[in-house]
Amino acid sequence: MALRAGAEVTVHDPAAMENAHRAYPQLEYADDPTQAVTGAGLLLHLTDWPQDSDADPGDLHGHIAVPEVIDARGTLNANSWREAGWTFRALGRP
């Protein structure tokens, strides 16, 4: 787990925040995608909630320290993210 390796992890999930916080109180929690990426070195997209999948990559770009995203759900539009200046990777896709 990245946390054990010394990473600072911030989580945003509109449906599971309460349960996640109980299970992992040592993580940071954000109320929205913008707050979650602020200052981050990488965005891991792990949910398929519309609030996250439909987030504007152009808006988020100005908040993240390193605009890199890994789409583990396959719900992000790769072209939109790349056009907004992100390094985009997705599991199972080029």
N, C-alpha and C. Protein backbone atom coordinates (compact mmCIF):
# COMPACT_ATOMS: atom_id res chain seq x y z
N MET A 1 0.84 -1.18 0.00
CA MET A 1 0.00 0.00 0.00
C MET A 1 0.88 1.24 0.00
N ALA A 2 0.51 2.23 -0.78
CA ALA A 2 1.29 3.46 -0.91
C ALA A 2 1.49 4.14 0.43
N LEU A 3 0.50 4.08 1.27
CA LEU A 3 0.59 4.72 2.58
C LEU A 3 1.75 4.14 3.39
N ARG A 4 1.90 2.85 3.35
CA ARG A 4 2.98 2.20 4.09
C ARG A 4 4.35 2.57 3.53
N ALA A 5 4.39 2.94 2.25
CA ALA A 5 5.64 3.33 1.62
C ALA A 5 5.96 4.80 1.87
N GLY A 6 5.11 5.50 2.60
CA GLY A 6 5.35 6.88 2.96
C GLY A 6 4.57 7.90 2.16
N ALA A 7 3.69 7.47 1.29
CA ALA A 7 2.89 8.41 0.51
C ALA A 7 1.82 9.06 1.38
N GLU A 8 1.48 10.29 1.04
CA GLU A 8 0.34 10.94 1.65
C GLU A 8 -0.85 10.66 0.74
N VAL A 9 -1.90 10.09 1.27
CA VAL A 9 -3.04 9.67 0.47
C VAL A 9 -4.27 10.47 0.88
N THR A 10 -4.90 11.08 -0.13
CA THR A 10 -6.15 11.81 0.08
C THR A 10 -7.24 11.10 -0.70
N VAL A 11 -8.36 10.85 -0.06
CA VAL A 11 -9.44 10.05 -0.63
C VAL A 11 -10.68 10.90 -0.83
N HIS A 12 -11.33 10.68 -1.98
CA HIS A 12 -12.66 11.26 -2.21
C HIS A 12 -13.53 10.17 -2.82
N ASP A 13 -14.62 9.85 -2.17
CA ASP A 13 -15.60 8.91 -2.70
C ASP A 13 -16.95 9.34 -2.13
N PRO A 14 -17.86 9.81 -3.00
CA PRO A 14 -19.11 10.35 -2.49
C PRO A 14 -19.98 9.37 -1.72
N ALA A 15 -19.75 8.08 -1.87
CA ALA A 15 -20.61 7.10 -1.20
C ALA A 15 -19.95 6.38 -0.04
N ALA A 16 -18.63 6.34 0.00
CA ALA A 16 -17.97 5.48 0.98
C ALA A 16 -17.10 6.22 1.99
N MET A 17 -17.22 7.51 2.08
CA MET A 17 -16.34 8.28 2.95
C MET A 17 -16.44 7.84 4.41
N GLU A 18 -17.63 7.66 4.90
CA GLU A 18 -17.81 7.31 6.31
C GLU A 18 -17.17 5.95 6.62
N ASN A 19 -17.44 4.96 5.79
CA ASN A 19 -16.87 3.63 6.00
C ASN A 19 -15.36 3.64 5.83
N ALA A 20 -14.87 4.37 4.82
CA ALA A 20 -13.43 4.44 4.59
C ALA A 20 -12.73 5.10 5.77
N HIS A 21 -13.31 6.15 6.29
CA HIS A 21 -12.69 6.84 7.42
C HIS A 21 -12.60 5.95 8.65
N ARG A 22 -13.62 5.13 8.87
CA ARG A 22 -13.57 4.19 10.00
C ARG A 22 -12.48 3.14 9.78
N ALA A 23 -12.35 2.65 8.57
CA ALA A 23 -11.36 1.61 8.27
C ALA A 23 -9.93 2.15 8.18
N TYR A 24 -9.80 3.40 7.69
CA TYR A 24 -8.47 3.99 7.47
C TYR A 24 -8.43 5.42 8.01
N PRO A 25 -8.46 5.58 9.32
CA PRO A 25 -8.49 6.93 9.88
C PRO A 25 -7.21 7.73 9.61
N GLN A 26 -6.13 7.07 9.24
CA GLN A 26 -4.86 7.74 9.00
C GLN A 26 -4.81 8.44 7.63
N LEU A 27 -5.79 8.20 6.76
CA LEU A 27 -5.82 8.87 5.46
C LEU A 27 -6.43 10.26 5.58
N GLU A 28 -6.17 11.07 4.58
CA GLU A 28 -6.81 12.38 4.48
C GLU A 28 -8.08 12.18 3.63
N TYR A 29 -9.11 12.98 3.90
CA TYR A 29 -10.37 12.86 3.17
C TYR A 29 -10.76 14.21 2.60
N ALA A 30 -11.24 14.21 1.36
CA ALA A 30 -11.61 15.44 0.66
C ALA A 30 -13.09 15.41 0.34
N ASP A 31 -13.70 16.58 0.35
CA ASP A 31 -15.14 16.70 0.08
C ASP A 31 -15.48 16.67 -1.41
N ASP A 32 -14.50 16.93 -2.27
CA ASP A 32 -14.77 16.97 -3.70
C ASP A 32 -13.48 16.66 -4.47
N PRO A 33 -13.58 16.39 -5.78
CA PRO A 33 -12.39 16.05 -6.57
C PRO A 33 -11.31 17.14 -6.56
N THR A 34 -11.71 18.40 -6.59
CA THR A 34 -10.73 19.48 -6.59
C THR A 34 -9.90 19.47 -5.31
N GLN A 35 -10.56 19.34 -4.20
CA GLN A 35 -9.86 19.29 -2.92
C GLN A 35 -8.96 18.06 -2.87
N ALA A 36 -9.41 16.96 -3.44
CA ALA A 36 -8.62 15.72 -3.41
C ALA A 36 -7.32 15.83 -4.19
N VAL A 37 -7.31 16.55 -5.30
CA VAL A 37 -6.10 16.62 -6.12
C VAL A 37 -5.18 17.78 -5.76
N THR A 38 -5.64 18.71 -4.95
CA THR A 38 -4.84 19.90 -4.65
C THR A 38 -3.48 19.51 -4.08
N GLY A 39 -2.43 19.87 -4.82
CA GLY A 39 -1.06 19.60 -4.41
C GLY A 39 -0.58 18.18 -4.66
N ALA A 40 -1.42 17.33 -5.22
CA ALA A 40 -1.06 15.92 -5.39
C ALA A 40 -0.04 15.71 -6.51
N GLY A 41 0.65 14.59 -6.44
CA GLY A 41 1.61 14.21 -7.47
C GLY A 41 1.06 13.18 -8.42
N LEU A 42 -0.15 12.68 -8.16
CA LEU A 42 -0.77 11.67 -9.01
C LEU A 42 -2.23 11.54 -8.62
N LEU A 43 -3.09 11.37 -9.63
CA LEU A 43 -4.50 11.12 -9.40
C LEU A 43 -4.79 9.67 -9.79
N LEU A 44 -5.28 8.90 -8.85
CA LEU A 44 -5.74 7.53 -9.13
C LEU A 44 -7.26 7.58 -9.17
N HIS A 45 -7.82 7.29 -10.32
CA HIS A 45 -9.28 7.30 -10.48
C HIS A 45 -9.77 5.87 -10.23
N LEU A 46 -10.40 5.66 -9.07
CA LEU A 46 -10.76 4.31 -8.64
C LEU A 46 -12.26 4.09 -8.48
N THR A 47 -13.07 5.11 -8.75
CA THR A 47 -14.52 4.97 -8.65
C THR A 47 -15.16 5.36 -9.97
N ASP A 48 -16.41 4.98 -10.16
CA ASP A 48 -17.09 5.39 -11.39
C ASP A 48 -18.28 6.30 -11.09
N TRP A 49 -18.25 6.97 -9.95
CA TRP A 49 -19.30 7.93 -9.63
C TRP A 49 -19.25 9.08 -10.61
N PRO A 50 -20.41 9.56 -11.07
CA PRO A 50 -20.43 10.67 -12.04
C PRO A 50 -19.68 11.91 -11.56
N GLN A 51 -19.73 12.20 -10.26
CA GLN A 51 -19.03 13.37 -9.73
C GLN A 51 -17.54 13.31 -10.04
N ASP A 52 -17.00 12.10 -10.06
CA ASP A 52 -15.58 11.91 -10.33
C ASP A 52 -15.32 11.68 -11.81
N SER A 53 -16.10 10.83 -12.44
CA SER A 53 -15.90 10.53 -13.85
C SER A 53 -16.13 11.75 -14.74
N ASP A 54 -17.03 12.63 -14.33
CA ASP A 54 -17.36 13.81 -15.14
C ASP A 54 -16.58 15.06 -14.72
N ALA A 55 -15.64 14.91 -13.82
CA ALA A 55 -14.85 16.07 -13.39
C ALA A 55 -14.12 16.66 -14.59
N ASP A 56 -14.01 17.97 -14.63
CA ASP A 56 -13.38 18.67 -15.73
C ASP A 56 -11.85 18.62 -15.57
N PRO A 57 -11.15 17.94 -16.47
CA PRO A 57 -9.70 17.83 -16.33
C PRO A 57 -8.99 19.17 -16.44
N GLY A 58 -9.59 20.11 -17.18
CA GLY A 58 -9.00 21.44 -17.28
C GLY A 58 -9.05 22.17 -15.96
N ASP A 59 -10.17 22.06 -15.25
CA ASP A 59 -10.30 22.69 -13.93
C ASP A 59 -9.35 22.06 -12.91
N LEU A 60 -9.26 20.74 -12.95
CA LEU A 60 -8.41 20.04 -11.99
C LEU A 60 -6.93 20.29 -12.24
N HIS A 61 -6.56 20.51 -13.51
CA HIS A 61 -5.15 20.69 -13.89
C HIS A 61 -4.48 21.79 -13.08
N GLY A 62 -5.18 22.86 -12.83
CA GLY A 62 -4.61 23.98 -12.09
C GLY A 62 -4.41 23.74 -10.61
N HIS A 63 -4.90 22.62 -10.11
CA HIS A 63 -4.81 22.35 -8.67
C HIS A 63 -3.79 21.27 -8.33
N ILE A 64 -3.49 20.40 -9.26
CA ILE A 64 -2.59 19.29 -8.99
C ILE A 64 -1.15 19.70 -9.26
N ALA A 65 -0.22 19.21 -8.45
CA ALA A 65 1.19 19.55 -8.63
C ALA A 65 1.76 18.90 -9.87
N VAL A 66 1.41 17.65 -10.11
CA VAL A 66 1.88 16.90 -11.27
C VAL A 66 0.65 16.34 -11.97
N PRO A 67 0.31 16.81 -13.16
CA PRO A 67 -0.92 16.38 -13.83
C PRO A 67 -0.80 14.99 -14.47
N GLU A 68 -0.82 14.00 -13.64
CA GLU A 68 -0.80 12.61 -14.09
C GLU A 68 -2.00 11.89 -13.51
N VAL A 69 -2.67 11.08 -14.34
CA VAL A 69 -3.84 10.34 -13.89
C VAL A 69 -3.73 8.89 -14.35
N ILE A 70 -4.14 7.99 -13.49
CA ILE A 70 -4.30 6.58 -13.84
C ILE A 70 -5.77 6.25 -13.66
N ASP A 71 -6.41 5.89 -14.77
CA ASP A 71 -7.84 5.56 -14.75
C ASP A 71 -7.99 4.06 -14.59
N ALA A 72 -8.28 3.63 -13.36
CA ALA A 72 -8.42 2.21 -13.08
C ALA A 72 -9.83 1.70 -13.34
N ARG A 73 -10.76 2.60 -13.63
CA ARG A 73 -12.15 2.21 -13.88
C ARG A 73 -12.53 2.24 -15.36
N GLY A 74 -11.74 2.91 -16.17
CA GLY A 74 -12.03 2.99 -17.60
C GLY A 74 -13.20 3.91 -17.91
N THR A 75 -13.47 4.89 -17.05
CA THR A 75 -14.62 5.76 -17.26
C THR A 75 -14.23 7.17 -17.68
N LEU A 76 -12.95 7.49 -17.72
CA LEU A 76 -12.52 8.82 -18.12
C LEU A 76 -12.29 8.88 -19.62
N ASN A 77 -12.51 10.04 -20.20
CA ASN A 77 -12.27 10.26 -21.62
C ASN A 77 -10.80 10.61 -21.80
N ALA A 78 -10.02 9.67 -22.32
CA ALA A 78 -8.58 9.85 -22.45
C ALA A 78 -8.23 11.09 -23.25
N ASN A 79 -8.92 11.33 -24.35
CA ASN A 79 -8.61 12.50 -25.18
C ASN A 79 -8.82 13.81 -24.42
N SER A 80 -9.89 13.91 -23.68
CA SER A 80 -10.15 15.13 -22.91
C SER A 80 -9.06 15.39 -21.88
N TRP A 81 -8.64 14.35 -21.21
CA TRP A 81 -7.60 14.50 -20.19
C TRP A 81 -6.27 14.86 -20.83
N ARG A 82 -5.92 14.21 -21.92
CA ARG A 82 -4.66 14.53 -22.59
C ARG A 82 -4.68 15.94 -23.16
N GLU A 83 -5.79 16.34 -23.75
CA GLU A 83 -5.92 17.70 -24.30
C GLU A 83 -5.80 18.77 -23.22
N ALA A 84 -6.18 18.41 -22.00
CA ALA A 84 -6.08 19.35 -20.89
C ALA A 84 -4.68 19.36 -20.27
N GLY A 85 -3.75 18.58 -20.85
CA GLY A 85 -2.37 18.61 -20.39
C GLY A 85 -1.96 17.53 -19.42
N TRP A 86 -2.81 16.53 -19.25
CA TRP A 86 -2.51 15.46 -18.31
C TRP A 86 -1.74 14.33 -18.99
N THR A 87 -0.86 13.68 -18.25
CA THR A 87 -0.33 12.40 -18.67
C THR A 87 -1.37 11.39 -18.25
N PHE A 88 -1.92 10.66 -19.23
CA PHE A 88 -3.07 9.78 -18.98
C PHE A 88 -2.66 8.33 -19.19
N ARG A 89 -2.99 7.51 -18.21
CA ARG A 89 -2.80 6.07 -18.33
C ARG A 89 -4.08 5.40 -17.85
N ALA A 90 -4.41 4.30 -18.48
CA ALA A 90 -5.61 3.57 -18.07
C ALA A 90 -5.32 2.08 -18.09
N LEU A 91 -5.87 1.38 -17.13
CA LEU A 91 -5.69 -0.07 -17.09
C LEU A 91 -6.40 -0.69 -18.28
N GLY A 92 -5.68 -1.49 -19.06
CA GLY A 92 -6.28 -2.22 -20.18
C GLY A 92 -6.50 -1.38 -21.43
N ARG A 93 -6.03 -0.12 -21.43
CA ARG A 93 -6.19 0.73 -22.62
C ARG A 93 -4.85 1.41 -22.92
N PRO A 94 -4.67 1.74 -24.22
CA PRO A 94 -3.42 2.45 -24.57
C PRO A 94 -3.44 3.90 -24.08
